[in-house]
């Protein structure tokens, strides 16, 4: 398993993804989706009017943009890169980075969770 603080690892990455990462060679690149920590003001689950939702989406992007400098520095340090120019309105960001870089990103307080970026395969349906 990735050798980070186990409590942080358990909270931020699934056991299965962590196990797959442990089997990769050092320096091997992996795709992942970072879920950024958002302020509670932006994580409301109540429905609102369109203008309010738009304002919340803008605020989420602005808040998450503040974290991008540190994330970008870490990505550069470990030979990684962003797969998107900016975060989504949900505060997610797809990245490609080495296993060691992902381990370092997991330790950032701005990262709420790390998800495995998985390919979606269509199912062939017989008619």
C-alpha atoms as a PDB file:
ATOM      1  CA  UNK A   1       0.000   0.000   0.000  1.00  0.00           C
ATOM      2  CA  UNK A   2       0.983   3.600  -0.415  1.00  0.00           C
ATOM      3  CA  UNK A   3       2.963   4.634   2.611  1.00  0.00           C
ATOM      4  CA  UNK A   4       1.064   7.689   3.807  1.00  0.00           C
ATOM      5  CA  UNK A   5      -0.615   8.220   7.120  1.00  0.00           C
ATOM      6  CA  UNK A   6      -3.096   5.329   7.155  1.00  0.00           C
ATOM      7  CA  UNK A   7      -5.947   7.437   8.526  1.00  0.00           C
ATOM      8  CA  UNK A   8      -5.546   9.949   5.683  1.00  0.00           C
ATOM      9  CA  UNK A   9      -5.266   7.161   3.111  1.00  0.00           C
ATOM     10  CA  UNK A  10      -8.351   5.369   4.430  1.00  0.00           C
ATOM     11  CA  UNK A  11     -10.347   8.579   4.230  1.00  0.00           C
ATOM     12  CA  UNK A  12      -9.187   9.769   0.817  1.00  0.00           C
ATOM     13  CA  UNK A  13      -8.660   6.708  -1.390  1.00  0.00           C
ATOM     14  CA  UNK A  14     -10.389   3.364  -1.729  1.00  0.00           C
ATOM     15  CA  UNK A  15      -8.647   0.248  -0.513  1.00  0.00           C
ATOM     16  CA  UNK A  16      -8.971  -1.304  -3.987  1.00  0.00           C
ATOM     17  CA  UNK A  17      -7.379   1.653  -5.783  1.00  0.00           C
ATOM     18  CA  UNK A  18      -4.637   1.819  -3.171  1.00  0.00           C
ATOM     19  CA  UNK A  19      -3.931  -1.880  -3.713  1.00  0.00           C
ATOM     20  CA  UNK A  20      -3.677  -1.413  -7.502  1.00  0.00           C
ATOM     21  CA  UNK A  21      -1.307   1.523  -7.004  1.00  0.00           C
ATOM     22  CA  UNK A  22       0.939  -0.593  -4.790  1.00  0.00           C
ATOM     23  CA  UNK A  23       1.456  -3.038  -7.676  1.00  0.00           C
ATOM     24  CA  UNK A  24       2.621  -0.370 -10.136  1.00  0.00           C
ATOM     25  CA  UNK A  25       6.273   0.282 -10.896  1.00  0.00           C
ATOM     26  CA  UNK A  26       7.891   3.401  -9.386  1.00  0.00           C
ATOM     27  CA  UNK A  27       7.459   6.357 -11.726  1.00  0.00           C
ATOM     28  CA  UNK A  28       4.598   4.744 -13.628  1.00  0.00           C
ATOM     29  CA  UNK A  29       1.904   7.266 -14.498  1.00  0.00           C
ATOM     30  CA  UNK A  30      -1.654   6.848 -13.332  1.00  0.00           C
ATOM     31  CA  UNK A  31      -4.840   8.769 -14.116  1.00  0.00           C
ATOM     32  CA  UNK A  32      -6.909   9.912 -11.173  1.00  0.00           C
ATOM     33  CA  UNK A  33      -9.677  12.327 -10.305  1.00  0.00           C
ATOM     34  CA  UNK A  34      -9.037  14.653  -7.388  1.00  0.00           C
ATOM     35  CA  UNK A  35     -12.052  15.827  -5.422  1.00  0.00           C
ATOM     36  CA  UNK A  36     -11.183  19.134  -3.838  1.00  0.00           C
ATOM     37  CA  UNK A  37     -12.242  20.208  -0.362  1.00  0.00           C
ATOM     38  CA  UNK A  38     -14.968  22.825  -0.734  1.00  0.00           C
ATOM     39  CA  UNK A  39     -16.213  25.226   1.895  1.00  0.00           C
ATOM     40  CA  UNK A  40     -19.508  24.272   3.486  1.00  0.00           C
ATOM     41  CA  UNK A  41     -21.159  27.345   1.999  1.00  0.00           C
ATOM     42  CA  UNK A  42     -20.721  25.862  -1.466  1.00  0.00           C
ATOM     43  CA  UNK A  43     -21.768  22.313  -0.694  1.00  0.00           C
ATOM     44  CA  UNK A  44     -25.451  22.971  -0.131  1.00  0.00           C
ATOM     45  CA  UNK A  45     -27.745  20.132  -1.135  1.00  0.00           C
ATOM     46  CA  UNK A  46     -30.919  22.200  -1.255  1.00  0.00           C
ATOM     47  CA  UNK A  47     -32.410  23.093  -4.594  1.00  0.00           C
ATOM     48  CA  UNK A  48     -32.291  26.754  -5.494  1.00  0.00           C
ATOM     49  CA  UNK A  49     -33.209  29.105  -8.264  1.00  0.00           C
ATOM     50  CA  UNK A  50     -31.116  29.162 -11.422  1.00  0.00           C
ATOM     51  CA  UNK A  51     -29.309  32.430 -10.623  1.00  0.00           C
ATOM     52  CA  UNK A  52     -28.341  31.198  -7.164  1.00  0.00           C
ATOM     53  CA  UNK A  53     -27.074  27.889  -8.612  1.00  0.00           C
ATOM     54  CA  UNK A  54     -25.013  29.833 -11.130  1.00  0.00           C
ATOM     55  CA  UNK A  55     -23.504  31.941  -8.351  1.00  0.00           C
ATOM     56  CA  UNK A  56     -22.697  28.808  -6.348  1.00  0.00           C
ATOM     57  CA  UNK A  57     -21.013  27.198  -9.382  1.00  0.00           C
ATOM     58  CA  UNK A  58     -18.878  30.299  -9.888  1.00  0.00           C
ATOM     59  CA  UNK A  59     -17.960  30.357  -6.218  1.00  0.00           C
ATOM     60  CA  UNK A  60     -16.974  26.664  -6.319  1.00  0.00           C
ATOM     61  CA  UNK A  61     -14.702  27.301  -9.286  1.00  0.00           C
ATOM     62  CA  UNK A  62     -13.130  30.328  -7.604  1.00  0.00           C
ATOM     63  CA  UNK A  63     -12.603  28.456  -4.338  1.00  0.00           C
ATOM     64  CA  UNK A  64     -11.077  25.441  -6.059  1.00  0.00           C
ATOM     65  CA  UNK A  65      -8.875  27.692  -8.211  1.00  0.00           C
ATOM     66  CA  UNK A  66      -7.121  28.763  -5.011  1.00  0.00           C
ATOM     67  CA  UNK A  67      -5.917  25.165  -4.556  1.00  0.00           C
ATOM     68  CA  UNK A  68      -4.617  24.775  -8.101  1.00  0.00           C
ATOM     69  CA  UNK A  69      -1.274  26.536  -7.534  1.00  0.00           C
ATOM     70  CA  UNK A  70      -0.187  24.028  -4.908  1.00  0.00           C
ATOM     71  CA  UNK A  71      -1.565  21.108  -6.927  1.00  0.00           C
ATOM     72  CA  UNK A  72       0.241  22.352 -10.053  1.00  0.00           C
ATOM     73  CA  UNK A  73       3.526  22.654  -8.139  1.00  0.00           C
ATOM     74  CA  UNK A  74       3.215  19.099  -6.919  1.00  0.00           C
ATOM     75  CA  UNK A  75       2.263  17.812 -10.367  1.00  0.00           C
ATOM     76  CA  UNK A  76       5.313  19.541 -11.871  1.00  0.00           C
ATOM     77  CA  UNK A  77       7.565  18.132  -9.146  1.00  0.00           C
ATOM     78  CA  UNK A  78       6.447  14.577  -9.957  1.00  0.00           C
ATOM     79  CA  UNK A  79       6.195  14.859 -13.746  1.00  0.00           C
ATOM     80  CA  UNK A  80       2.419  15.012 -13.764  1.00  0.00           C
ATOM     81  CA  UNK A  81      -0.139  17.213 -15.448  1.00  0.00           C
ATOM     82  CA  UNK A  82      -3.726  18.341 -15.295  1.00  0.00           C
ATOM     83  CA  UNK A  83      -6.032  16.721 -17.815  1.00  0.00           C
ATOM     84  CA  UNK A  84      -8.362  19.754 -17.668  1.00  0.00           C
ATOM     85  CA  UNK A  85      -7.754  23.485 -17.613  1.00  0.00           C
ATOM     86  CA  UNK A  86      -9.947  24.085 -14.598  1.00  0.00           C
ATOM     87  CA  UNK A  87     -11.947  22.209 -12.013  1.00  0.00           C
ATOM     88  CA  UNK A  88     -15.491  21.091 -12.671  1.00  0.00           C
ATOM     89  CA  UNK A  89     -18.427  22.809 -11.002  1.00  0.00           C
ATOM     90  CA  UNK A  90     -18.374  19.893  -8.556  1.00  0.00           C
ATOM     91  CA  UNK A  91     -14.796  20.640  -7.536  1.00  0.00           C
ATOM     92  CA  UNK A  92     -13.146  17.724  -9.325  1.00  0.00           C
ATOM     93  CA  UNK A  93      -9.948  17.712 -11.371  1.00  0.00           C
ATOM     94  CA  UNK A  94      -8.571  14.916 -13.549  1.00  0.00           C
ATOM     95  CA  UNK A  95      -4.785  14.488 -13.384  1.00  0.00           C
ATOM     96  CA  UNK A  96      -2.074  12.191 -14.667  1.00  0.00           C
ATOM     97  CA  UNK A  97       0.850  11.728 -12.298  1.00  0.00           C
ATOM     98  CA  UNK A  98       3.297   9.151 -10.995  1.00  0.00           C
ATOM     99  CA  UNK A  99       2.327   6.915  -8.109  1.00  0.00           C
ATOM    100  CA  UNK A 100       4.698   8.892  -5.889  1.00  0.00           C
ATOM    101  CA  UNK A 101       3.064  12.145  -6.991  1.00  0.00           C
ATOM    102  CA  UNK A 102      -0.383  10.796  -6.250  1.00  0.00           C
ATOM    103  CA  UNK A 103       0.833   9.799  -2.794  1.00  0.00           C
ATOM    104  CA  UNK A 104       2.003  13.370  -2.247  1.00  0.00           C
ATOM    105  CA  UNK A 105      -1.298  14.800  -3.510  1.00  0.00           C
ATOM    106  CA  UNK A 106      -3.250  12.576  -1.119  1.00  0.00           C
ATOM    107  CA  UNK A 107      -1.480  14.319   1.754  1.00  0.00           C
ATOM    108  CA  UNK A 108      -2.688  17.798   0.755  1.00  0.00           C
ATOM    109  CA  UNK A 109      -5.419  19.246   2.953  1.00  0.00           C
ATOM    110  CA  UNK A 110      -7.108  20.645  -0.180  1.00  0.00           C
ATOM    111  CA  UNK A 111      -7.780  17.111  -1.450  1.00  0.00           C
ATOM    112  CA  UNK A 112     -10.943  15.558  -0.066  1.00  0.00           C
ATOM    113  CA  UNK A 113     -10.720  12.274  -2.008  1.00  0.00           C
ATOM    114  CA  UNK A 114      -8.890  10.594  -4.873  1.00  0.00           C
ATOM    115  CA  UNK A 115     -10.781   8.433  -7.337  1.00  0.00           C
ATOM    116  CA  UNK A 116      -9.447   6.079  -9.953  1.00  0.00           C
ATOM    117  CA  UNK A 117     -10.068   7.482 -13.416  1.00  0.00           C
ATOM    118  CA  UNK A 118     -11.676   4.509 -15.107  1.00  0.00           C
ATOM    119  CA  UNK A 119     -12.554   3.936 -18.727  1.00  0.00           C
ATOM    120  CA  UNK A 120     -16.194   3.460 -19.468  1.00  0.00           C
ATOM    121  CA  UNK A 121     -16.896   0.533 -21.751  1.00  0.00           C
ATOM    122  CA  UNK A 122     -20.137   0.177 -23.614  1.00  0.00           C
ATOM    123  CA  UNK A 123     -21.986  -3.078 -23.211  1.00  0.00           C
ATOM    124  CA  UNK A 124     -23.055  -4.910 -26.303  1.00  0.00           C
ATOM    125  CA  UNK A 125     -26.729  -5.619 -25.967  1.00  0.00           C
ATOM    126  CA  UNK A 126     -28.160  -8.421 -28.046  1.00  0.00           C
ATOM    127  CA  UNK A 127     -31.591  -7.655 -29.364  1.00  0.00           C
END
